[in-house]
C-alpha cells in the first residue's frame, strides 16, 4: 500500500474509529452531503486512549476537579446530573467555559468563510468519562444557543475502565 499512500492527497487512519465515524469524516472532508457551510462536531475523549485523529482544536480539561476520586461519582459518567453538577461547581469551570465560548463563537464563522467544511473540537480529560463529557455536552449546547449547530459525540464513554 505504500505506493498508493504516497500518491494520496489525504490519508485517514481508520484503525481506531467506527464505520459511522469514518462516514462522518468522509462527508466532512469531501462534501459528500448536500449541506452547505461549516459542519461542526464536538467530541469528548480520554487522553489515556490517545488524541482523536480528526480533531482540529483540542481543549484539555484535566485541570478541573476529577469526579473519579469521589467514590459515589466514580461509576457514573458526565451524562449524570450529579457528575455534571460536581464538575460545574469547580471554581475554575465557569470562567474557563465562558472564555472558551467567547473564543469559539466569533471564530467559527471565520472558519466557514475560509471554506472549511468540517471542524472537530475535541475536549479531553484523563479517561473520557467525566469532565470531558460534561464540558463537551455543555459546549455543544452553548453553541446551539448561539445558533451554531454542533453534533456531539463521546468517543470513550463506552470503553471499559
N, C-alpha and C. Protein backbone atom coordinates (compact mmCIF):
# COMPACT_ATOMS: atom_id res chain seq x y z
N UNK A 1 0.81 -1.21 0.00
CA UNK A 1 0.00 0.00 0.00
C UNK A 1 0.85 1.27 0.00
N UNK A 2 2.14 1.15 0.27
CA UNK A 2 3.00 2.33 0.33
C UNK A 2 2.96 3.15 -0.95
N UNK A 3 3.01 2.53 -2.15
CA UNK A 3 2.94 3.34 -3.37
C UNK A 3 1.61 4.08 -3.51
N UNK A 4 0.53 3.43 -3.11
CA UNK A 4 -0.79 4.08 -3.19
C UNK A 4 -0.85 5.24 -2.21
N UNK A 5 -0.39 4.99 -0.99
CA UNK A 5 -0.40 6.05 0.04
C UNK A 5 0.45 7.25 -0.39
N UNK A 6 1.58 6.97 -1.03
CA UNK A 6 2.46 8.06 -1.48
C UNK A 6 1.78 8.94 -2.51
N UNK A 7 0.85 8.40 -3.27
CA UNK A 7 0.15 9.17 -4.30
C UNK A 7 -1.10 9.87 -3.76
N UNK A 8 -1.52 9.51 -2.56
CA UNK A 8 -2.76 10.04 -2.00
C UNK A 8 -2.61 11.50 -1.60
N UNK A 9 -3.68 12.25 -1.77
CA UNK A 9 -3.71 13.64 -1.31
C UNK A 9 -4.02 13.71 0.18
N UNK A 10 -4.74 12.71 0.68
CA UNK A 10 -5.16 12.71 2.07
C UNK A 10 -5.26 11.27 2.55
N UNK A 11 -4.77 10.99 3.75
CA UNK A 11 -4.86 9.64 4.32
C UNK A 11 -5.64 9.71 5.63
N UNK A 12 -6.51 8.76 5.84
CA UNK A 12 -7.31 8.70 7.07
C UNK A 12 -6.98 7.39 7.77
N UNK A 13 -6.47 7.48 8.97
CA UNK A 13 -6.16 6.29 9.76
C UNK A 13 -7.46 5.77 10.38
N UNK A 14 -7.91 4.60 9.96
CA UNK A 14 -9.18 4.05 10.43
C UNK A 14 -9.00 3.00 11.52
N UNK A 15 -7.80 2.86 12.04
CA UNK A 15 -7.53 1.78 13.00
C UNK A 15 -8.29 1.94 14.32
N UNK A 16 -8.67 3.14 14.69
CA UNK A 16 -9.34 3.35 15.98
C UNK A 16 -10.72 3.96 15.86
N UNK A 17 -11.33 3.95 14.66
CA UNK A 17 -12.64 4.58 14.50
C UNK A 17 -13.67 3.60 13.97
N UNK A 18 -14.92 3.84 14.33
CA UNK A 18 -16.03 3.01 13.86
C UNK A 18 -16.43 3.44 12.45
N UNK A 19 -17.18 2.58 11.78
CA UNK A 19 -17.62 2.85 10.41
C UNK A 19 -18.43 4.14 10.33
N UNK A 20 -19.30 4.37 11.31
CA UNK A 20 -20.12 5.60 11.30
C UNK A 20 -19.24 6.84 11.40
N UNK A 21 -18.20 6.75 12.21
CA UNK A 21 -17.27 7.87 12.36
C UNK A 21 -16.53 8.12 11.05
N UNK A 22 -16.14 7.05 10.35
CA UNK A 22 -15.48 7.20 9.05
C UNK A 22 -16.42 7.91 8.07
N UNK A 23 -17.69 7.53 8.08
CA UNK A 23 -18.66 8.18 7.20
C UNK A 23 -18.76 9.67 7.48
N UNK A 24 -18.76 10.03 8.76
CA UNK A 24 -18.83 11.44 9.14
C UNK A 24 -17.59 12.19 8.67
N UNK A 25 -16.43 11.57 8.83
CA UNK A 25 -15.18 12.21 8.41
C UNK A 25 -15.16 12.39 6.90
N UNK A 26 -15.55 11.36 6.16
CA UNK A 26 -15.58 11.46 4.70
C UNK A 26 -16.55 12.53 4.23
N UNK A 27 -17.72 12.57 4.86
CA UNK A 27 -18.72 13.58 4.49
C UNK A 27 -18.18 14.97 4.75
N UNK A 28 -17.50 15.14 5.87
CA UNK A 28 -16.95 16.46 6.19
C UNK A 28 -15.81 16.87 5.30
N UNK A 29 -14.88 15.97 5.05
CA UNK A 29 -13.71 16.31 4.24
C UNK A 29 -14.03 16.47 2.76
N UNK A 30 -14.95 15.67 2.27
CA UNK A 30 -15.16 15.64 0.83
C UNK A 30 -16.53 16.13 0.40
N UNK A 31 -17.28 16.72 1.33
CA UNK A 31 -18.56 17.32 0.97
C UNK A 31 -19.53 16.34 0.36
N UNK A 32 -19.61 15.14 0.92
CA UNK A 32 -20.48 14.11 0.37
C UNK A 32 -21.95 14.36 0.66
N UNK A 33 -22.23 15.25 1.58
CA UNK A 33 -23.62 15.59 1.89
C UNK A 33 -23.92 16.95 1.30
N UNK A 34 -25.14 17.15 0.91
CA UNK A 34 -25.54 18.41 0.26
C UNK A 34 -25.86 19.47 1.29
N UNK A 35 -25.02 19.61 2.27
CA UNK A 35 -25.24 20.58 3.34
C UNK A 35 -24.17 21.66 3.26
N UNK A 36 -24.54 22.88 2.88
CA UNK A 36 -23.54 23.93 2.76
C UNK A 36 -23.08 24.44 4.13
N UNK A 37 -21.93 25.08 4.14
CA UNK A 37 -21.44 25.70 5.36
C UNK A 37 -20.60 24.77 6.20
N UNK A 38 -20.20 25.28 7.34
CA UNK A 38 -19.32 24.56 8.26
C UNK A 38 -20.11 23.52 9.04
N UNK A 39 -19.64 22.28 9.01
CA UNK A 39 -20.21 21.22 9.84
C UNK A 39 -19.34 21.14 11.08
N UNK A 40 -19.96 21.26 12.24
CA UNK A 40 -19.23 21.32 13.50
C UNK A 40 -19.50 20.08 14.33
N UNK A 41 -18.43 19.51 14.87
CA UNK A 41 -18.54 18.33 15.72
C UNK A 41 -17.79 18.61 17.02
N UNK A 42 -18.42 18.25 18.12
CA UNK A 42 -17.78 18.34 19.43
C UNK A 42 -17.68 16.92 19.96
N UNK A 43 -16.48 16.53 20.36
CA UNK A 43 -16.30 15.18 20.88
C UNK A 43 -15.53 15.21 22.18
N UNK A 44 -15.93 14.36 23.11
CA UNK A 44 -15.17 14.18 24.33
C UNK A 44 -14.26 12.97 24.13
N UNK A 45 -13.16 12.95 24.85
CA UNK A 45 -12.23 11.83 24.75
C UNK A 45 -11.37 11.75 26.00
N UNK A 46 -10.68 10.63 26.15
CA UNK A 46 -9.74 10.44 27.25
C UNK A 46 -8.31 10.45 26.72
N UNK A 47 -7.46 11.26 27.32
CA UNK A 47 -6.07 11.32 26.89
C UNK A 47 -5.39 9.96 26.99
N UNK A 48 -5.80 9.13 27.95
CA UNK A 48 -5.16 7.82 28.10
C UNK A 48 -5.41 6.93 26.89
N UNK A 49 -6.41 7.26 26.08
CA UNK A 49 -6.72 6.49 24.88
C UNK A 49 -6.20 7.17 23.62
N UNK A 50 -5.49 8.27 23.77
CA UNK A 50 -4.90 8.98 22.64
C UNK A 50 -5.80 10.09 22.12
N UNK A 51 -5.17 11.03 21.44
CA UNK A 51 -5.91 12.15 20.85
C UNK A 51 -6.76 11.65 19.68
N UNK A 52 -7.95 12.23 19.50
CA UNK A 52 -8.73 11.89 18.30
C UNK A 52 -7.99 12.40 17.06
N UNK A 53 -7.77 11.55 16.11
CA UNK A 53 -7.00 11.92 14.92
C UNK A 53 -7.71 13.00 14.09
N UNK A 54 -9.04 13.05 14.19
CA UNK A 54 -9.79 14.01 13.37
C UNK A 54 -9.91 15.38 14.03
N UNK A 55 -9.36 15.55 15.24
CA UNK A 55 -9.50 16.80 15.98
C UNK A 55 -8.79 17.96 15.29
N UNK A 56 -9.50 19.08 15.18
CA UNK A 56 -8.91 20.31 14.67
C UNK A 56 -8.47 21.21 15.82
N UNK A 57 -9.29 21.25 16.87
CA UNK A 57 -8.99 22.02 18.08
C UNK A 57 -9.11 21.07 19.27
N UNK A 58 -8.14 21.12 20.18
CA UNK A 58 -8.16 20.25 21.35
C UNK A 58 -8.10 21.10 22.61
N UNK A 59 -9.02 20.83 23.52
CA UNK A 59 -9.04 21.50 24.82
C UNK A 59 -8.83 20.46 25.91
N UNK A 60 -7.93 20.74 26.82
CA UNK A 60 -7.59 19.84 27.92
C UNK A 60 -8.28 20.34 29.19
N UNK A 61 -9.20 19.53 29.74
CA UNK A 61 -9.93 19.95 30.94
C UNK A 61 -9.49 19.16 32.18
N UNK A 62 -8.29 18.60 32.15
CA UNK A 62 -7.79 17.85 33.30
C UNK A 62 -7.49 18.74 34.50
N UNK A 63 -7.54 20.04 34.35
CA UNK A 63 -7.33 20.94 35.48
C UNK A 63 -8.56 21.03 36.38
N UNK A 64 -9.72 20.60 35.89
CA UNK A 64 -10.95 20.63 36.69
C UNK A 64 -10.95 19.49 37.71
N UNK A 65 -11.70 19.68 38.80
CA UNK A 65 -11.82 18.62 39.82
C UNK A 65 -12.28 17.33 39.18
N UNK A 66 -11.68 16.22 39.59
CA UNK A 66 -11.95 14.94 38.97
C UNK A 66 -12.96 14.12 39.77
N UNK A 67 -14.14 13.86 39.22
CA UNK A 67 -15.15 13.04 39.90
C UNK A 67 -14.70 11.60 40.13
N UNK A 68 -13.69 11.16 39.42
CA UNK A 68 -13.16 9.81 39.59
C UNK A 68 -12.73 9.56 41.05
N UNK A 69 -12.30 10.62 41.73
CA UNK A 69 -11.81 10.46 43.09
C UNK A 69 -12.89 10.60 44.16
N UNK A 70 -14.14 10.67 43.73
CA UNK A 70 -15.28 10.68 44.65
C UNK A 70 -15.98 9.34 44.46
N UNK A 71 -15.94 8.51 45.49
CA UNK A 71 -16.43 7.13 45.38
C UNK A 71 -17.85 7.05 44.81
N UNK A 72 -18.73 7.93 45.23
CA UNK A 72 -20.13 7.89 44.77
C UNK A 72 -20.27 8.30 43.30
N UNK A 73 -19.31 9.06 42.79
CA UNK A 73 -19.39 9.55 41.41
C UNK A 73 -18.59 8.70 40.42
N UNK A 74 -17.62 7.96 40.93
CA UNK A 74 -16.73 7.20 40.05
C UNK A 74 -17.46 6.30 39.06
N UNK A 75 -18.47 5.54 39.46
CA UNK A 75 -19.12 4.64 38.49
C UNK A 75 -20.03 5.37 37.50
N UNK A 76 -20.33 6.62 37.76
CA UNK A 76 -21.22 7.40 36.89
C UNK A 76 -20.42 8.00 35.74
N UNK A 77 -21.11 8.70 34.86
CA UNK A 77 -20.44 9.39 33.75
C UNK A 77 -20.82 10.86 33.77
N UNK A 78 -20.22 11.60 32.88
CA UNK A 78 -20.53 13.02 32.75
C UNK A 78 -21.94 13.30 32.27
N UNK A 79 -22.65 12.27 31.84
CA UNK A 79 -24.05 12.45 31.45
C UNK A 79 -24.98 12.47 32.66
N UNK A 80 -24.48 12.04 33.81
CA UNK A 80 -25.26 12.04 35.04
C UNK A 80 -25.28 13.45 35.64
N UNK A 81 -26.43 13.89 36.07
CA UNK A 81 -26.58 15.25 36.60
C UNK A 81 -25.68 15.50 37.82
N UNK A 82 -25.47 14.48 38.65
CA UNK A 82 -24.61 14.68 39.83
C UNK A 82 -23.16 14.93 39.43
N UNK A 83 -22.70 14.23 38.42
CA UNK A 83 -21.34 14.45 37.93
C UNK A 83 -21.23 15.82 37.29
N UNK A 84 -22.21 16.18 36.48
CA UNK A 84 -22.21 17.49 35.83
C UNK A 84 -22.19 18.61 36.87
N UNK A 85 -22.98 18.45 37.92
CA UNK A 85 -23.01 19.48 38.97
C UNK A 85 -21.66 19.56 39.69
N UNK A 86 -21.06 18.42 39.96
CA UNK A 86 -19.76 18.39 40.63
C UNK A 86 -18.71 19.12 39.80
N UNK A 87 -18.67 18.83 38.51
CA UNK A 87 -17.69 19.47 37.63
C UNK A 87 -17.97 20.97 37.55
N UNK A 88 -19.23 21.35 37.40
CA UNK A 88 -19.60 22.77 37.27
C UNK A 88 -19.33 23.56 38.55
N UNK A 89 -19.28 22.87 39.69
CA UNK A 89 -19.01 23.56 40.97
C UNK A 89 -17.54 23.92 41.14
N UNK A 90 -16.68 23.38 40.32
CA UNK A 90 -15.26 23.75 40.39
C UNK A 90 -15.16 25.26 40.15
N UNK A 91 -14.47 26.00 41.01
CA UNK A 91 -14.40 27.46 40.85
C UNK A 91 -13.82 27.91 39.51
N UNK A 92 -13.03 27.07 38.86
CA UNK A 92 -12.43 27.43 37.58
C UNK A 92 -13.32 27.09 36.39
N UNK A 93 -14.40 26.32 36.61
CA UNK A 93 -15.23 25.88 35.50
C UNK A 93 -15.88 27.05 34.76
N UNK A 94 -16.63 27.87 35.45
CA UNK A 94 -17.38 28.95 34.81
C UNK A 94 -16.48 29.93 34.06
N UNK A 95 -15.39 30.40 34.68
CA UNK A 95 -14.52 31.32 33.92
C UNK A 95 -13.92 30.66 32.67
N UNK A 96 -13.49 29.41 32.81
CA UNK A 96 -12.94 28.68 31.66
C UNK A 96 -13.98 28.54 30.56
N UNK A 97 -15.16 28.10 30.94
CA UNK A 97 -16.22 27.84 29.96
C UNK A 97 -16.64 29.13 29.25
N UNK A 98 -16.74 30.21 30.00
CA UNK A 98 -17.09 31.50 29.39
C UNK A 98 -16.02 31.94 28.38
N UNK A 99 -14.74 31.74 28.73
CA UNK A 99 -13.66 32.12 27.82
C UNK A 99 -13.66 31.26 26.56
N UNK A 100 -13.94 29.98 26.71
CA UNK A 100 -13.99 29.09 25.54
C UNK A 100 -15.11 29.54 24.60
N UNK A 101 -16.28 29.83 25.15
CA UNK A 101 -17.39 30.31 24.33
C UNK A 101 -17.06 31.61 23.64
N UNK A 102 -16.43 32.53 24.39
CA UNK A 102 -16.06 33.83 23.82
C UNK A 102 -15.03 33.68 22.72
N UNK A 103 -14.21 32.65 22.80
CA UNK A 103 -13.22 32.40 21.75
C UNK A 103 -13.86 31.76 20.53
N UNK A 104 -14.66 30.73 20.74
CA UNK A 104 -15.17 29.93 19.62
C UNK A 104 -16.29 30.60 18.82
N UNK A 105 -17.23 31.21 19.48
CA UNK A 105 -18.40 31.75 18.77
C UNK A 105 -17.99 32.71 17.65
N UNK A 106 -17.07 33.65 17.87
CA UNK A 106 -16.69 34.51 16.75
C UNK A 106 -15.74 33.84 15.74
N UNK A 107 -15.01 32.79 16.17
CA UNK A 107 -14.08 32.14 15.26
C UNK A 107 -14.75 31.24 14.24
N UNK A 108 -15.83 30.57 14.63
CA UNK A 108 -16.44 29.58 13.76
C UNK A 108 -16.92 30.17 12.42
N UNK A 109 -17.55 31.32 12.41
CA UNK A 109 -17.91 31.90 11.10
C UNK A 109 -16.67 32.21 10.24
N UNK A 110 -15.55 32.50 10.88
CA UNK A 110 -14.33 32.77 10.13
C UNK A 110 -13.81 31.51 9.45
N UNK A 111 -13.90 30.37 10.16
CA UNK A 111 -13.52 29.10 9.55
C UNK A 111 -14.40 28.83 8.32
N UNK A 112 -15.70 29.05 8.46
CA UNK A 112 -16.63 28.84 7.35
C UNK A 112 -16.30 29.77 6.19
N UNK A 113 -16.00 31.03 6.49
CA UNK A 113 -15.69 32.00 5.44
C UNK A 113 -14.42 31.62 4.68
N UNK A 114 -13.52 30.92 5.34
CA UNK A 114 -12.29 30.47 4.69
C UNK A 114 -12.50 29.19 3.89
N UNK A 115 -13.74 28.68 3.91
CA UNK A 115 -14.05 27.50 3.11
C UNK A 115 -13.93 26.17 3.83
N UNK A 116 -13.67 26.20 5.12
CA UNK A 116 -13.57 24.95 5.87
C UNK A 116 -14.98 24.37 5.97
N UNK A 117 -15.13 23.10 5.60
CA UNK A 117 -16.44 22.47 5.60
C UNK A 117 -16.69 21.66 6.86
N UNK A 118 -15.64 21.38 7.62
CA UNK A 118 -15.71 20.41 8.70
C UNK A 118 -14.77 20.82 9.81
N UNK A 119 -15.23 20.90 11.05
CA UNK A 119 -14.37 21.26 12.17
C UNK A 119 -14.74 20.41 13.37
N UNK A 120 -13.74 19.77 13.96
CA UNK A 120 -13.96 18.96 15.15
C UNK A 120 -13.25 19.61 16.33
N UNK A 121 -14.02 19.86 17.38
CA UNK A 121 -13.47 20.38 18.64
C UNK A 121 -13.47 19.21 19.61
N UNK A 122 -12.29 18.82 20.07
CA UNK A 122 -12.15 17.68 20.97
C UNK A 122 -11.84 18.17 22.37
N UNK A 123 -12.60 17.65 23.33
CA UNK A 123 -12.44 18.03 24.74
C UNK A 123 -11.94 16.80 25.48
N UNK A 124 -10.76 16.92 26.11
CA UNK A 124 -10.17 15.75 26.73
C UNK A 124 -9.97 15.86 28.23
N UNK A 125 -10.17 14.74 28.90
CA UNK A 125 -9.78 14.57 30.30
C UNK A 125 -8.99 13.26 30.38
N UNK A 126 -8.77 12.76 31.55
CA UNK A 126 -7.91 11.58 31.68
C UNK A 126 -8.51 10.35 31.01
N UNK A 127 -9.72 9.96 31.40
CA UNK A 127 -10.31 8.74 30.88
C UNK A 127 -11.43 8.93 29.88
N UNK A 128 -11.93 10.16 29.76
CA UNK A 128 -13.00 10.42 28.80
C UNK A 128 -14.38 10.02 29.28
N UNK A 129 -14.56 9.94 30.59
CA UNK A 129 -15.85 9.50 31.15
C UNK A 129 -16.57 10.59 31.95
N UNK A 130 -15.84 11.54 32.51
CA UNK A 130 -16.46 12.50 33.42
C UNK A 130 -16.35 13.94 32.92
N UNK A 131 -15.21 14.58 33.20
CA UNK A 131 -15.05 16.01 32.93
C UNK A 131 -15.22 16.36 31.46
N UNK A 132 -14.57 15.62 30.57
CA UNK A 132 -14.66 15.95 29.15
C UNK A 132 -16.07 15.78 28.62
N UNK A 133 -16.80 14.80 29.15
CA UNK A 133 -18.18 14.57 28.72
C UNK A 133 -19.05 15.76 29.12
N UNK A 134 -18.88 16.23 30.35
CA UNK A 134 -19.65 17.38 30.83
C UNK A 134 -19.35 18.61 29.98
N UNK A 135 -18.09 18.90 29.78
CA UNK A 135 -17.71 20.12 29.06
C UNK A 135 -18.14 20.03 27.59
N UNK A 136 -17.96 18.89 26.96
CA UNK A 136 -18.36 18.74 25.55
C UNK A 136 -19.86 18.92 25.39
N UNK A 137 -20.63 18.30 26.28
CA UNK A 137 -22.09 18.42 26.19
C UNK A 137 -22.53 19.87 26.39
N UNK A 138 -21.93 20.54 27.35
CA UNK A 138 -22.30 21.94 27.59
C UNK A 138 -21.84 22.85 26.46
N UNK A 139 -20.70 22.53 25.87
CA UNK A 139 -20.22 23.34 24.75
C UNK A 139 -21.15 23.18 23.55
N UNK A 140 -21.55 21.96 23.24
CA UNK A 140 -22.48 21.74 22.13
C UNK A 140 -23.79 22.49 22.38
N UNK A 141 -24.24 22.47 23.63
CA UNK A 141 -25.47 23.19 23.99
C UNK A 141 -25.27 24.70 23.84
N UNK A 142 -24.17 25.22 24.33
CA UNK A 142 -23.89 26.66 24.24
C UNK A 142 -23.81 27.11 22.79
N UNK A 143 -23.15 26.32 21.96
CA UNK A 143 -23.06 26.67 20.54
C UNK A 143 -24.44 26.65 19.90
N UNK A 144 -25.25 25.68 20.27
CA UNK A 144 -26.62 25.62 19.74
C UNK A 144 -27.41 26.85 20.12
N UNK A 145 -27.24 27.31 21.36
CA UNK A 145 -27.94 28.52 21.82
C UNK A 145 -27.47 29.75 21.04
N UNK A 146 -26.23 29.69 20.52
CA UNK A 146 -25.69 30.80 19.73
C UNK A 146 -26.05 30.65 18.26
N UNK A 147 -26.87 29.64 17.93
CA UNK A 147 -27.30 29.44 16.55
C UNK A 147 -26.33 28.64 15.71
N UNK A 148 -25.40 27.95 16.36
CA UNK A 148 -24.40 27.15 15.66
C UNK A 148 -24.65 25.68 15.99
N UNK A 149 -25.16 24.95 15.02
CA UNK A 149 -25.47 23.54 15.24
C UNK A 149 -24.18 22.73 15.34
N UNK A 150 -24.11 21.89 16.35
CA UNK A 150 -22.93 21.04 16.55
C UNK A 150 -23.37 19.63 16.89
N UNK A 151 -22.84 18.66 16.18
CA UNK A 151 -23.07 17.26 16.52
C UNK A 151 -22.19 16.91 17.70
N UNK A 152 -22.68 16.09 18.60
CA UNK A 152 -21.97 15.73 19.82
C UNK A 152 -21.68 14.24 19.83
N UNK A 153 -20.44 13.90 20.19
CA UNK A 153 -20.02 12.50 20.25
C UNK A 153 -19.12 12.33 21.47
N UNK A 154 -19.28 11.21 22.18
CA UNK A 154 -18.42 10.89 23.32
C UNK A 154 -17.63 9.64 22.97
N UNK A 155 -16.42 9.85 22.47
CA UNK A 155 -15.63 8.75 21.92
C UNK A 155 -15.36 7.62 22.91
N UNK A 156 -14.98 7.95 24.13
CA UNK A 156 -14.53 6.93 25.06
C UNK A 156 -15.53 6.58 26.16
N UNK A 157 -16.71 7.09 26.06
CA UNK A 157 -17.71 6.87 27.11
C UNK A 157 -18.04 5.39 27.30
N UNK A 158 -18.10 4.63 26.24
CA UNK A 158 -18.44 3.21 26.34
C UNK A 158 -17.28 2.28 26.60
N UNK A 159 -16.08 2.82 26.67
CA UNK A 159 -14.90 1.97 26.90
C UNK A 159 -14.92 1.38 28.30
N UNK A 160 -14.38 0.20 28.40
CA UNK A 160 -14.22 -0.44 29.72
C UNK A 160 -13.18 0.34 30.50
N UNK A 161 -13.40 0.46 31.80
CA UNK A 161 -12.42 1.13 32.65
C UNK A 161 -11.26 0.22 32.95
